Amino acid sequence: MYSFIRTFQVKLLFFLLVVAAVTFFLPADFPELLQLQHQDQSLCACEKCLSEENLFILHRLNRSEEPFLSSNTNLSEDAFRWWKLIQNEQRDFGSYKATVHKLFELFPSVADLGKPSADSCRTCAVVGNSVNLKGSRYGPLIDFQDVVIRMNAAPVKDYERDVGTKTTHRVMYPESAVDLDNSTHLVLFPFKIQDLEWVIKAFTTGFFGRSYAPLKSKIKAKRDLVMVINPAFMKYVHEIWLEKKGDYPSTGFMALILALQICDEVHVFGYGADHDGNWSHYFEKLKSKSFKTGPHPGQHEYALIQQLAEKKSVRLYKGW
């Protein structure tokens, strides 16, 4: 009996020594790592979910940021002050809040993004307007993705072979607005209070204000599919992703970061200059080789996209 107890004590002591040694050599954040690993395993059914990517994206991608306005969004005054400088908005925070209140009397109070699922892999095509789409024959690959995000008034007709035919989300602002069918989400990028007023009146009485470009008085689109980007999200993209370079992000770059927020796998088409370094659109003839990207840090944005591609956080299709 004494021999059995002695043997048990020796085994117990050995086990405790092993546990102590293993614990000593484990990293301090091992419990958190285990938790993250468990979470990553259940996020999506893709070969590799975005949450599993490298530190380059994890340090920037904040899924707690609300990409869309809702009736419950509490925009900070700091975010409003940043946003109002984009196009020199003269009205105050109270005017903004009153307009947002009217917005959600007409449109859905919460954007329906769907929920991540371990059983599905939501793939997205973000389709920019770069001339490098011309002759690419990416159309079928673009249409194969679950979500297809297009920019502004970029045409599809007569360019189907290169840009595809499917559109689930059309990003626009009032000066770039186009009519949509009943299955396409209108994703409004507002740069001033008048943009919020425009989307309200374009669905009701008609809009008759002025801007730096002609505006559609009425728009054809499904009211239940209207989504409005949160100004705080625009600020987040400028400060965290672009590190405050340029006056503010381009619509195309913000659409790409939006895709990273809502998709499990992101395919990027139609971004950047052509192989000679010229910036132009696939549906236009290059008129001036001196054309740049205006207030947007185009070169820096594209360099970030290339980094995301190199780190396999997105799949970038250059077209040339």
C-alpha atoms as a PDB file:
ATOM      1  CA  MET A   1       0.000   0.000   0.000  1.00  0.00           C
ATOM      2  CA  TYR A   2       2.828   2.376   0.950  1.00  0.00           C
ATOM      3  CA  SER A   3       4.535   1.597  -2.381  1.00  0.00           C
ATOM      4  CA  PHE A   4       1.333   2.495  -4.330  1.00  0.00           C
ATOM      5  CA  ILE A   5       0.951   5.817  -2.525  1.00  0.00           C
ATOM      6  CA  ARG A   6       4.621   6.623  -3.077  1.00  0.00           C
ATOM      7  CA  THR A   7       4.333   5.876  -6.809  1.00  0.00           C
ATOM      8  CA  PHE A   8       1.194   8.042  -7.109  1.00  0.00           C
ATOM      9  CA  GLN A   9       2.933  10.946  -5.365  1.00  0.00           C
ATOM     10  CA  VAL A  10       5.912  10.751  -7.730  1.00  0.00           C
ATOM     11  CA  LYS A  11       3.611  10.727 -10.799  1.00  0.00           C
ATOM     12  CA  LEU A  12       1.590  13.653  -9.448  1.00  0.00           C
ATOM     13  CA  LEU A  13       4.756  15.647  -8.771  1.00  0.00           C
ATOM     14  CA  PHE A  14       6.023  14.928 -12.303  1.00  0.00           C
ATOM     15  CA  PHE A  15       2.679  16.009 -13.819  1.00  0.00           C
ATOM     16  CA  LEU A  16       2.695  19.283 -11.863  1.00  0.00           C
ATOM     17  CA  LEU A  17       6.262  20.004 -12.950  1.00  0.00           C
ATOM     18  CA  VAL A  18       5.306  19.463 -16.614  1.00  0.00           C
ATOM     19  CA  VAL A  19       2.278  21.770 -16.316  1.00  0.00           C
ATOM     20  CA  ALA A  20       4.414  24.445 -14.668  1.00  0.00           C
ATOM     21  CA  ALA A  21       7.075  24.189 -17.389  1.00  0.00           C
ATOM     22  CA  VAL A  22       4.542  24.381 -20.234  1.00  0.00           C
ATOM     23  CA  THR A  23       2.797  27.357 -18.617  1.00  0.00           C
ATOM     24  CA  PHE A  24       6.104  29.155 -18.165  1.00  0.00           C
ATOM     25  CA  PHE A  25       7.025  28.901 -21.846  1.00  0.00           C
ATOM     26  CA  LEU A  26       3.607  29.775 -23.247  1.00  0.00           C
ATOM     27  CA  PRO A  27       3.040  33.369 -24.386  1.00  0.00           C
ATOM     28  CA  ALA A  28       1.166  35.587 -21.931  1.00  0.00           C
ATOM     29  CA  ASP A  29      -1.703  36.030 -24.355  1.00  0.00           C
ATOM     30  CA  PHE A  30      -2.172  32.312 -25.004  1.00  0.00           C
ATOM     31  CA  PRO A  31      -5.795  32.266 -23.676  1.00  0.00           C
ATOM     32  CA  GLU A  32      -6.666  35.129 -26.033  1.00  0.00           C
ATOM     33  CA  LEU A  33      -4.947  33.329 -28.919  1.00  0.00           C
ATOM     34  CA  LEU A  34      -7.011  30.224 -28.219  1.00  0.00           C
ATOM     35  CA  GLN A  35     -10.170  32.320 -28.172  1.00  0.00           C
ATOM     36  CA  LEU A  36      -9.268  34.039 -31.464  1.00  0.00           C
ATOM     37  CA  GLN A  37      -8.486  30.685 -33.050  1.00  0.00           C
ATOM     38  CA  HIS A  38     -11.861  29.359 -31.999  1.00  0.00           C
ATOM     39  CA  GLN A  39     -13.602  32.468 -33.343  1.00  0.00           C
ATOM     40  CA  ASP A  40     -11.724  32.300 -36.651  1.00  0.00           C
ATOM     41  CA  GLN A  41     -12.743  28.694 -37.163  1.00  0.00           C
ATOM     42  CA  SER A  42     -16.420  29.641 -37.066  1.00  0.00           C
ATOM     43  CA  LEU A  43     -16.508  32.877 -39.062  1.00  0.00           C
ATOM     44  CA  CYS A  44     -16.931  31.630 -42.618  1.00  0.00           C
ATOM     45  CA  ALA A  45     -16.549  28.688 -44.951  1.00  0.00           C
ATOM     46  CA  CYS A  46     -13.940  30.345 -47.196  1.00  0.00           C
ATOM     47  CA  GLU A  47     -10.559  28.747 -47.698  1.00  0.00           C
ATOM     48  CA  LYS A  48      -9.245  31.674 -45.641  1.00  0.00           C
ATOM     49  CA  CYS A  49     -11.428  34.200 -43.815  1.00  0.00           C
ATOM     50  CA  LEU A  50     -10.350  37.842 -43.619  1.00  0.00           C
ATOM     51  CA  SER A  51     -10.062  37.603 -39.839  1.00  0.00           C
ATOM     52  CA  GLU A  52      -7.271  35.046 -40.245  1.00  0.00           C
ATOM     53  CA  GLU A  53      -5.104  37.418 -42.232  1.00  0.00           C
ATOM     54  CA  ASN A  54      -1.833  39.048 -41.318  1.00  0.00           C
ATOM     55  CA  LEU A  55      -1.174  41.895 -38.920  1.00  0.00           C
ATOM     56  CA  PHE A  56      -1.220  44.409 -41.795  1.00  0.00           C
ATOM     57  CA  ILE A  57      -4.994  44.075 -42.078  1.00  0.00           C
ATOM     58  CA  LEU A  58      -5.762  43.174 -38.462  1.00  0.00           C
ATOM     59  CA  HIS A  59      -4.249  46.437 -37.205  1.00  0.00           C
ATOM     60  CA  ARG A  60      -6.518  48.441 -39.501  1.00  0.00           C
ATOM     61  CA  LEU A  61      -9.689  46.429 -39.986  1.00  0.00           C
ATOM     62  CA  ASN A  62     -12.080  47.364 -37.197  1.00  0.00           C
ATOM     63  CA  ARG A  63     -15.353  45.501 -37.580  1.00  0.00           C
ATOM     64  CA  SER A  64     -16.839  47.494 -34.721  1.00  0.00           C
ATOM     65  CA  GLU A  65     -16.905  50.542 -37.008  1.00  0.00           C
ATOM     66  CA  GLU A  66     -20.426  51.091 -38.328  1.00  0.00           C
ATOM     67  CA  PRO A  67     -20.098  51.434 -42.114  1.00  0.00           C
ATOM     68  CA  PHE A  68     -23.736  52.488 -42.553  1.00  0.00           C
ATOM     69  CA  LEU A  69     -25.900  55.046 -40.826  1.00  0.00           C
ATOM     70  CA  SER A  70     -28.856  53.723 -38.870  1.00  0.00           C
ATOM     71  CA  SER A  71     -31.532  55.374 -36.782  1.00  0.00           C
ATOM     72  CA  ASN A  72     -29.419  54.484 -33.726  1.00  0.00           C
ATOM     73  CA  THR A  73     -26.111  55.884 -34.989  1.00  0.00           C
ATOM     74  CA  ASN A  74     -24.637  58.389 -32.569  1.00  0.00           C
ATOM     75  CA  LEU A  75     -22.220  60.420 -34.672  1.00  0.00           C
ATOM     76  CA  SER A  76     -19.719  62.332 -32.555  1.00  0.00           C
ATOM     77  CA  GLU A  77     -19.239  66.052 -32.991  1.00  0.00           C
ATOM     78  CA  ASP A  78     -15.575  65.371 -33.713  1.00  0.00           C
ATOM     79  CA  ALA A  79     -16.524  63.130 -36.649  1.00  0.00           C
ATOM     80  CA  PHE A  80     -19.017  65.732 -37.859  1.00  0.00           C
ATOM     81  CA  ARG A  81     -16.361  68.465 -37.771  1.00  0.00           C
ATOM     82  CA  TRP A  82     -14.040  66.317 -39.903  1.00  0.00           C
ATOM     83  CA  TRP A  83     -16.841  65.449 -42.347  1.00  0.00           C
ATOM     84  CA  LYS A  84     -18.102  69.015 -42.816  1.00  0.00           C
ATOM     85  CA  LEU A  85     -14.666  70.130 -44.048  1.00  0.00           C
ATOM     86  CA  ILE A  86     -14.806  67.779 -47.057  1.00  0.00           C
ATOM     87  CA  GLN A  87     -17.005  70.139 -49.065  1.00  0.00           C
ATOM     88  CA  ASN A  88     -17.038  73.144 -46.758  1.00  0.00           C
ATOM     89  CA  GLU A  89     -20.409  72.425 -45.149  1.00  0.00           C
ATOM     90  CA  GLN A  90     -21.720  75.612 -43.534  1.00  0.00           C
ATOM     91  CA  ARG A  91     -24.610  74.194 -41.533  1.00  0.00           C
ATOM     92  CA  ASP A  92     -24.250  72.995 -37.957  1.00  0.00           C
ATOM     93  CA  PHE A  93     -24.489  69.653 -36.162  1.00  0.00           C
ATOM     94  CA  GLY A  94     -28.144  70.261 -35.313  1.00  0.00           C
ATOM     95  CA  SER A  95     -29.032  70.612 -39.013  1.00  0.00           C
ATOM     96  CA  TYR A  96     -27.227  67.357 -39.728  1.00  0.00           C
ATOM     97  CA  LYS A  97     -29.105  65.467 -37.002  1.00  0.00           C
ATOM     98  CA  ALA A  98     -32.461  66.866 -38.108  1.00  0.00           C
ATOM     99  CA  THR A  99     -31.804  65.742 -41.686  1.00  0.00           C
ATOM    100  CA  VAL A 100     -30.747  62.250 -40.565  1.00  0.00           C
ATOM    101  CA  HIS A 101     -33.975  62.005 -38.567  1.00  0.00           C
ATOM    102  CA  LYS A 102     -35.956  62.710 -41.757  1.00  0.00           C
ATOM    103  CA  LEU A 103     -33.814  60.189 -43.623  1.00  0.00           C
ATOM    104  CA  PHE A 104     -34.954  57.315 -41.446  1.00  0.00           C
ATOM    105  CA  GLU A 105     -38.582  58.294 -41.654  1.00  0.00           C
ATOM    106  CA  LEU A 106     -38.320  57.211 -45.297  1.00  0.00           C
ATOM    107  CA  PHE A 107     -35.634  54.516 -45.520  1.00  0.00           C
ATOM    108  CA  PRO A 108     -34.861  51.345 -43.522  1.00  0.00           C
ATOM    109  CA  SER A 109     -33.671  52.201 -40.028  1.00  0.00           C
ATOM    110  CA  VAL A 110     -30.921  49.566 -40.160  1.00  0.00           C
ATOM    111  CA  ALA A 111     -28.933  48.368 -43.185  1.00  0.00           C
ATOM    112  CA  ASP A 112     -29.420  44.640 -43.796  1.00  0.00           C
ATOM    113  CA  LEU A 113     -25.894  43.260 -44.216  1.00  0.00           C
ATOM    114  CA  GLY A 114     -26.616  39.637 -43.492  1.00  0.00           C
ATOM    115  CA  LYS A 115     -24.733  37.753 -40.787  1.00  0.00           C
ATOM    116  CA  PRO A 116     -21.407  35.891 -41.051  1.00  0.00           C
ATOM    117  CA  SER A 117     -21.912  32.161 -41.167  1.00  0.00           C
ATOM    118  CA  ALA A 118     -19.615  29.202 -40.707  1.00  0.00           C
ATOM    119  CA  ASP A 119     -21.538  27.485 -43.498  1.00  0.00           C
ATOM    120  CA  SER A 120     -21.098  30.141 -46.180  1.00  0.00           C
ATOM    121  CA  CYS A 121     -18.386  32.142 -47.893  1.00  0.00           C
ATOM    122  CA  ARG A 122     -19.600  35.545 -49.063  1.00  0.00           C
ATOM    123  CA  THR A 123     -17.403  36.647 -51.955  1.00  0.00           C
ATOM    124  CA  CYS A 124     -17.354  40.219 -53.244  1.00  0.00           C
ATOM    125  CA  ALA A 125     -16.192  41.903 -56.430  1.00  0.00           C
ATOM    126  CA  VAL A 126     -15.309  45.576 -56.006  1.00  0.00           C
ATOM    127  CA  VAL A 127     -15.316  46.995 -59.529  1.00  0.00           C
ATOM    128  CA  GLY A 128     -13.505  50.276 -60.012  1.00  0.00           C
ATOM    129  CA  ASN A 129     -13.574  52.312 -63.207  1.00  0.00           C
ATOM    130  CA  SER A 130      -9.946  52.152 -64.278  1.00  0.00           C
ATOM    131  CA  VAL A 131      -9.024  51.914 -67.956  1.00  0.00           C
ATOM    132  CA  ASN A 132      -7.112  48.744 -67.132  1.00  0.00           C
ATOM    133  CA  LEU A 133     -10.440  46.880 -67.275  1.00  0.00           C
ATOM    134  CA  LYS A 134     -10.515  47.441 -71.038  1.00  0.00           C
ATOM    135  CA  GLY A 135      -9.829  44.189 -72.858  1.00  0.00           C
ATOM    136  CA  SER A 136      -9.486  42.293 -69.580  1.00  0.00           C
ATOM    137  CA  ARG A 137     -12.351  39.821 -70.187  1.00  0.00           C
ATOM    138  CA  TYR A 138     -13.033  39.755 -66.442  1.00  0.00           C
ATOM    139  CA  GLY A 139     -16.810  39.865 -66.942  1.00  0.00           C
ATOM    140  CA  PRO A 140     -17.622  36.213 -66.076  1.00  0.00           C
ATOM    141  CA  LEU A 141     -15.312  36.268 -63.052  1.00  0.00           C
ATOM    142  CA  ILE A 142     -16.935  39.448 -61.732  1.00  0.00           C
ATOM    143  CA  ASP A 143     -20.440  38.030 -62.199  1.00  0.00           C
ATOM    144  CA  PHE A 144     -19.428  34.840 -60.369  1.00  0.00           C
ATOM    145  CA  GLN A 145     -19.067  36.681 -57.029  1.00  0.00           C
ATOM    146  CA  ASP A 146     -21.978  36.897 -54.568  1.00  0.00           C
ATOM    147  CA  VAL A 147     -21.771  40.681 -54.122  1.00  0.00           C
ATOM    148  CA  VAL A 148     -20.779  43.014 -56.975  1.00  0.00           C
ATOM    149  CA  ILE A 149     -20.096  46.631 -55.974  1.00  0.00           C
ATOM    150  CA  ARG A 150     -19.879  49.176 -58.820  1.00  0.00           C
ATOM    151  CA  MET A 151     -18.946  52.835 -58.729  1.00  0.00           C
ATOM    152  CA  ASN A 152     -20.949  55.913 -59.640  1.00  0.00           C
ATOM    153  CA  ALA A 153     -22.306  56.085 -63.204  1.00  0.00           C
ATOM    154  CA  ALA A 154     -19.877  53.561 -64.732  1.00  0.00           C
ATOM    155  CA  PRO A 155     -21.724  51.825 -67.603  1.00  0.00           C
ATOM    156  CA  VAL A 156     -22.156  48.097 -68.036  1.00  0.00           C
ATOM    157  CA  LYS A 157     -23.858  48.031 -71.436  1.00  0.00           C
ATOM    158  CA  ASP A 158     -21.406  47.481 -74.297  1.00  0.00           C
ATOM    159  CA  TYR A 159     -18.671  46.540 -71.803  1.00  0.00           C
ATOM    160  CA  GLU A 160     -20.114  43.269 -70.513  1.00  0.00           C
ATOM    161  CA  ARG A 161     -17.189  41.098 -71.625  1.00  0.00           C
ATOM    162  CA  ASP A 162     -14.772  43.106 -69.485  1.00  0.00           C
ATOM    163  CA  VAL A 163     -16.902  44.306 -66.557  1.00  0.00           C
ATOM    164  CA  GLY A 164     -19.747  41.778 -66.319  1.00  0.00           C
ATOM    165  CA  THR A 165     -23.474  42.405 -66.024  1.00  0.00           C
ATOM    166  CA  LYS A 166     -24.292  41.781 -62.357  1.00  0.00           C
ATOM    167  CA  THR A 167     -24.656  44.639 -59.854  1.00  0.00           C
ATOM    168  CA  THR A 168     -25.832  44.097 -56.299  1.00  0.00           C
ATOM    169  CA  HIS A 169     -24.589  47.426 -54.850  1.00  0.00           C
ATOM    170  CA  ARG A 170     -24.101  50.715 -56.707  1.00  0.00           C
ATOM    171  CA  VAL A 171     -21.987  53.258 -54.839  1.00  0.00           C
ATOM    172  CA  MET A 172     -22.875  56.855 -55.703  1.00  0.00           C
ATOM    173  CA  TYR A 173     -23.209  60.442 -54.553  1.00  0.00           C
ATOM    174  CA  PRO A 174     -25.818  62.870 -55.984  1.00  0.00           C
ATOM    175  CA  GLU A 175     -23.554  64.246 -58.719  1.00  0.00           C
ATOM    176  CA  SER A 176     -22.838  60.707 -59.980  1.00  0.00           C
ATOM    177  CA  ALA A 177     -26.301  59.189 -59.531  1.00  0.00           C
ATOM    178  CA  VAL A 178     -27.919  56.769 -61.995  1.00  0.00           C
ATOM    179  CA  ASP A 179     -31.234  54.910 -62.022  1.00  0.00           C
ATOM    180  CA  LEU A 180     -31.199  51.349 -60.647  1.00  0.00           C
ATOM    181  CA  ASP A 181     -33.296  48.225 -60.996  1.00  0.00           C
ATOM    182  CA  ASN A 182     -35.309  46.777 -58.115  1.00  0.00           C
ATOM    183  CA  SER A 183     -32.600  44.339 -57.038  1.00  0.00           C
ATOM    184  CA  THR A 184     -29.668  46.749 -56.654  1.00  0.00           C
ATOM    185  CA  HIS A 185     -28.768  48.513 -53.421  1.00  0.00           C
ATOM    186  CA  LEU A 186     -28.249  52.261 -53.671  1.00  0.00           C
ATOM    187  CA  VAL A 187     -25.218  52.961 -51.476  1.00  0.00           C
ATOM    188  CA  LEU A 188     -25.025  56.700 -50.892  1.00  0.00           C
ATOM    189  CA  PHE A 189     -21.686  58.258 -49.989  1.00  0.00           C
ATOM    190  CA  PRO A 190     -22.720  61.629 -48.507  1.00  0.00           C
ATOM    191  CA  PHE A 191     -20.163  64.446 -48.515  1.00  0.00           C
ATOM    192  CA  LYS A 192     -22.462  67.212 -47.234  1.00  0.00           C
ATOM    193  CA  ILE A 193     -25.912  67.687 -45.706  1.00  0.00           C
ATOM    194  CA  GLN A 194     -27.373  68.484 -49.114  1.00  0.00           C
ATOM    195  CA  ASP A 195     -26.486  64.948 -50.217  1.00  0.00           C
ATOM    196  CA  LEU A 196     -28.726  63.555 -47.474  1.00  0.00           C
ATOM    197  CA  GLU A 197     -31.487  65.961 -48.480  1.00  0.00           C
ATOM    198  CA  TRP A 198     -31.050  64.920 -52.110  1.00  0.00           C
ATOM    199  CA  VAL A 199     -31.674  61.226 -51.476  1.00  0.00           C
ATOM    200  CA  ILE A 200     -34.820  62.054 -49.465  1.00  0.00           C
ATOM    201  CA  LYS A 201     -36.275  64.361 -52.115  1.00  0.00           C
ATOM    202  CA  ALA A 202     -35.160  62.261 -55.097  1.00  0.00           C
ATOM    203  CA  PHE A 203     -37.528  59.556 -53.804  1.00  0.00           C
ATOM    204  CA  THR A 204     -40.384  61.938 -52.942  1.00  0.00           C
ATOM    205  CA  THR A 205     -40.999  65.493 -54.107  1.00  0.00           C
ATOM    206  CA  GLY A 206     -38.025  65.779 -56.415  1.00  0.00           C
ATOM    207  CA  PHE A 207     -34.810  67.666 -55.722  1.00  0.00           C
ATOM    208  CA  PHE A 208     -34.259  71.118 -57.231  1.00  0.00           C
ATOM    209  CA  GLY A 209     -31.073  72.368 -55.573  1.00  0.00           C
ATOM    210  CA  ARG A 210     -27.750  73.139 -57.222  1.00  0.00           C
ATOM    211  CA  SER A 211     -24.278  71.719 -56.957  1.00  0.00           C
ATOM    212  CA  TYR A 212     -20.967  71.748 -58.835  1.00  0.00           C
ATOM    213  CA  ALA A 213     -22.471  69.322 -61.381  1.00  0.00           C
ATOM    214  CA  PRO A 214     -26.016  68.641 -62.671  1.00  0.00           C
ATOM    215  CA  LEU A 215     -28.235  66.681 -60.274  1.00  0.00           C
ATOM    216  CA  LYS A 216     -31.018  64.208 -60.971  1.00  0.00           C
ATOM    217  CA  SER A 217     -34.273  65.523 -59.576  1.00  0.00           C
ATOM    218  CA  LYS A 218     -35.765  62.017 -59.253  1.00  0.00           C
ATOM    219  CA  ILE A 219     -34.143  58.617 -59.125  1.00  0.00           C
ATOM    220  CA  LYS A 220     -35.460  55.154 -59.904  1.00  0.00           C
ATOM    221  CA  ALA A 221     -34.420  52.670 -57.230  1.00  0.00           C
ATOM    222  CA  LYS A 222     -35.985  50.483 -54.574  1.00  0.00           C
ATOM    223  CA  ARG A 223     -36.518  52.457 -51.381  1.00  0.00           C
ATOM    224  CA  ASP A 224     -35.987  49.412 -49.146  1.00  0.00           C
ATOM    225  CA  LEU A 225     -32.493  48.919 -50.602  1.00  0.00           C
ATOM    226  CA  VAL A 226     -31.118  52.381 -49.816  1.00  0.00           C
ATOM    227  CA  MET A 227     -28.024  52.411 -47.584  1.00  0.00           C
ATOM    228  CA  VAL A 228     -26.160  55.529 -46.442  1.00  0.00           C
ATOM    229  CA  ILE A 229     -22.489  55.510 -45.468  1.00  0.00           C
ATOM    230  CA  ASN A 230     -21.689  56.723 -41.974  1.00  0.00           C
ATOM    231  CA  PRO A 231     -19.482  59.875 -41.929  1.00  0.00           C
ATOM    232  CA  ALA A 232     -17.573  58.317 -39.020  1.00  0.00           C
ATOM    233  CA  PHE A 233     -16.666  55.388 -41.281  1.00  0.00           C
ATOM    234  CA  MET A 234     -15.289  57.819 -43.872  1.00  0.00           C
ATOM    235  CA  LYS A 235     -13.170  59.438 -41.142  1.00  0.00           C
ATOM    236  CA  TYR A 236     -11.968  56.016 -39.991  1.00  0.00           C
ATOM    237  CA  VAL A 237     -10.807  55.136 -43.527  1.00  0.00           C
ATOM    238  CA  HIS A 238      -8.961  58.464 -43.824  1.00  0.00           C
ATOM    239  CA  GLU A 239      -7.241  58.280 -40.445  1.00  0.00           C
ATOM    240  CA  ILE A 240      -6.565  54.573 -39.954  1.00  0.00           C
ATOM    241  CA  TRP A 241      -6.081  53.306 -43.496  1.00  0.00           C
ATOM    242  CA  LEU A 242      -4.671  56.388 -45.225  1.00  0.00           C
ATOM    243  CA  GLU A 243      -2.992  57.870 -42.158  1.00  0.00           C
ATOM    244  CA  LYS A 244      -4.564  61.253 -43.021  1.00  0.00           C
ATOM    245  CA  LYS A 245      -2.913  61.466 -46.451  1.00  0.00           C
ATOM    246  CA  GLY A 246      -4.901  63.531 -48.963  1.00  0.00           C
ATOM    247  CA  ASP A 247      -7.932  65.635 -48.100  1.00  0.00           C
ATOM    248  CA  TYR A 248     -10.195  62.589 -47.861  1.00  0.00           C
ATOM    249  CA  PRO A 249     -10.409  59.072 -49.355  1.00  0.00           C
ATOM    250  CA  SER A 250     -11.687  58.424 -52.854  1.00  0.00           C
ATOM    251  CA  THR A 251     -15.085  56.784 -53.248  1.00  0.00           C
ATOM    252  CA  GLY A 252     -13.377  53.766 -54.779  1.00  0.00           C
ATOM    253  CA  PHE A 253     -11.020  53.257 -51.860  1.00  0.00           C
ATOM    254  CA  MET A 254     -13.810  53.654 -49.307  1.00  0.00           C
ATOM    255  CA  ALA A 255     -15.853  51.093 -51.258  1.00  0.00           C
ATOM    256  CA  LEU A 256     -12.952  48.653 -51.028  1.00  0.00           C
ATOM    257  CA  ILE A 257     -12.664  49.072 -47.242  1.00  0.00           C
ATOM    258  CA  LEU A 258     -16.450  48.695 -47.042  1.00  0.00           C
ATOM    259  CA  ALA A 259     -16.085  45.347 -48.844  1.00  0.00           C
ATOM    260  CA  LEU A 260     -13.489  44.255 -46.299  1.00  0.00           C
ATOM    261  CA  GLN A 261     -16.054  45.031 -43.588  1.00  0.00           C
ATOM    262  CA  ILE A 262     -18.962  43.076 -45.068  1.00  0.00           C
ATOM    263  CA  CYS A 263     -17.374  40.279 -47.137  1.00  0.00           C
ATOM    264  CA  ASP A 264     -15.489  37.089 -46.348  1.00  0.00           C
ATOM    265  CA  GLU A 265     -13.400  37.202 -49.542  1.00  0.00           C
ATOM    266  CA  VAL A 266     -12.710  40.292 -51.666  1.00  0.00           C
ATOM    267  CA  HIS A 267     -11.816  40.417 -55.375  1.00  0.00           C
ATOM    268  CA  VAL A 268     -10.642  43.809 -56.676  1.00  0.00           C
ATOM    269  CA  PHE A 269     -11.015  44.912 -60.298  1.00  0.00           C
ATOM    270  CA  GLY A 270     -10.490  48.184 -62.156  1.00  0.00           C
ATOM    271  CA  TYR A 271      -8.192  50.078 -59.794  1.00  0.00           C
ATOM    272  CA  GLY A 272      -5.045  52.067 -60.522  1.00  0.00           C
ATOM    273  CA  ALA A 273      -3.461  53.701 -63.557  1.00  0.00           C
ATOM    274  CA  ASP A 274      -2.715  51.997 -66.886  1.00  0.00           C
ATOM    275  CA  HIS A 275       0.669  50.411 -67.648  1.00  0.00           C
ATOM    276  CA  ASP A 276       1.989  53.838 -68.725  1.00  0.00           C
ATOM    277  CA  GLY A 277       0.958  55.419 -65.434  1.00  0.00           C
ATOM    278  CA  ASN A 278      -2.035  57.321 -66.861  1.00  0.00           C
ATOM    279  CA  TRP A 279      -5.269  57.629 -64.878  1.00  0.00           C
ATOM    280  CA  SER A 280      -8.462  57.290 -66.907  1.00  0.00           C
ATOM    281  CA  HIS A 281     -11.738  55.343 -67.118  1.00  0.00           C
ATOM    282  CA  TYR A 282     -12.523  52.247 -69.168  1.00  0.00           C
ATOM    283  CA  PHE A 283     -15.506  53.986 -70.781  1.00  0.00           C
ATOM    284  CA  GLU A 284     -13.646  57.163 -71.822  1.00  0.00           C
ATOM    285  CA  LYS A 285     -10.835  58.054 -74.163  1.00  0.00           C
ATOM    286  CA  LEU A 286      -7.754  59.485 -72.481  1.00  0.00           C
ATOM    287  CA  LYS A 287      -7.858  63.214 -73.157  1.00  0.00           C
ATOM    288  CA  SER A 288      -5.047  64.421 -70.940  1.00  0.00           C
ATOM    289  CA  LYS A 289      -2.019  62.513 -69.712  1.00  0.00           C
ATOM    290  CA  SER A 290      -1.628  65.080 -66.954  1.00  0.00           C
ATOM    291  CA  PHE A 291      -4.894  63.970 -65.288  1.00  0.00           C
ATOM    292  CA  LYS A 292      -4.302  62.961 -61.671  1.00  0.00           C
ATOM    293  CA  THR A 293      -6.556  61.975 -58.773  1.00  0.00           C
ATOM    294  CA  GLY A 294      -7.557  65.384 -57.417  1.00  0.00           C
ATOM    295  CA  PRO A 295      -7.795  65.714 -53.622  1.00  0.00           C
ATOM    296  CA  HIS A 296      -7.457  61.954 -53.218  1.00  0.00           C
ATOM    297  CA  PRO A 297      -4.075  60.295 -52.561  1.00  0.00           C
ATOM    298  CA  GLY A 298      -4.467  57.967 -55.537  1.00  0.00           C
ATOM    299  CA  GLN A 299      -0.919  56.639 -55.615  1.00  0.00           C
ATOM    300  CA  HIS A 300      -0.954  55.943 -51.891  1.00  0.00           C
ATOM    301  CA  GLU A 301      -4.370  54.270 -52.067  1.00  0.00           C
ATOM    302  CA  TYR A 302      -3.215  51.970 -54.862  1.00  0.00           C
ATOM    303  CA  ALA A 303       0.003  51.143 -52.992  1.00  0.00           C
ATOM    304  CA  LEU A 304      -2.139  50.036 -50.029  1.00  0.00           C
ATOM    305  CA  ILE A 305      -4.280  47.880 -52.323  1.00  0.00           C
ATOM    306  CA  GLN A 306      -1.116  46.266 -53.694  1.00  0.00           C
ATOM    307  CA  GLN A 307       0.028  45.572 -50.137  1.00  0.00           C
ATOM    308  CA  LEU A 308      -3.316  43.953 -49.341  1.00  0.00           C
ATOM    309  CA  ALA A 309      -2.894  41.788 -52.445  1.00  0.00           C
ATOM    310  CA  GLU A 310       0.685  40.835 -51.573  1.00  0.00           C
ATOM    311  CA  LYS A 311      -0.474  39.796 -48.112  1.00  0.00           C
ATOM    312  CA  LYS A 312      -3.321  37.831 -49.740  1.00  0.00           C
ATOM    313  CA  SER A 313      -5.946  39.882 -47.906  1.00  0.00           C
ATOM    314  CA  VAL A 314      -7.599  40.639 -51.263  1.00  0.00           C
ATOM    315  CA  ARG A 315      -7.209  39.309 -54.784  1.00  0.00           C
ATOM    316  CA  LEU A 316      -6.181  42.085 -57.145  1.00  0.00           C
ATOM    317  CA  TYR A 317      -6.791  41.770 -60.891  1.00  0.00           C
ATOM    318  CA  LYS A 318      -4.665  44.352 -62.702  1.00  0.00           C
ATOM    319  CA  GLY A 319      -6.036  43.798 -66.205  1.00  0.00           C
ATOM    320  CA  TRP A 320      -2.747  44.413 -67.968  1.00  0.00           C
END
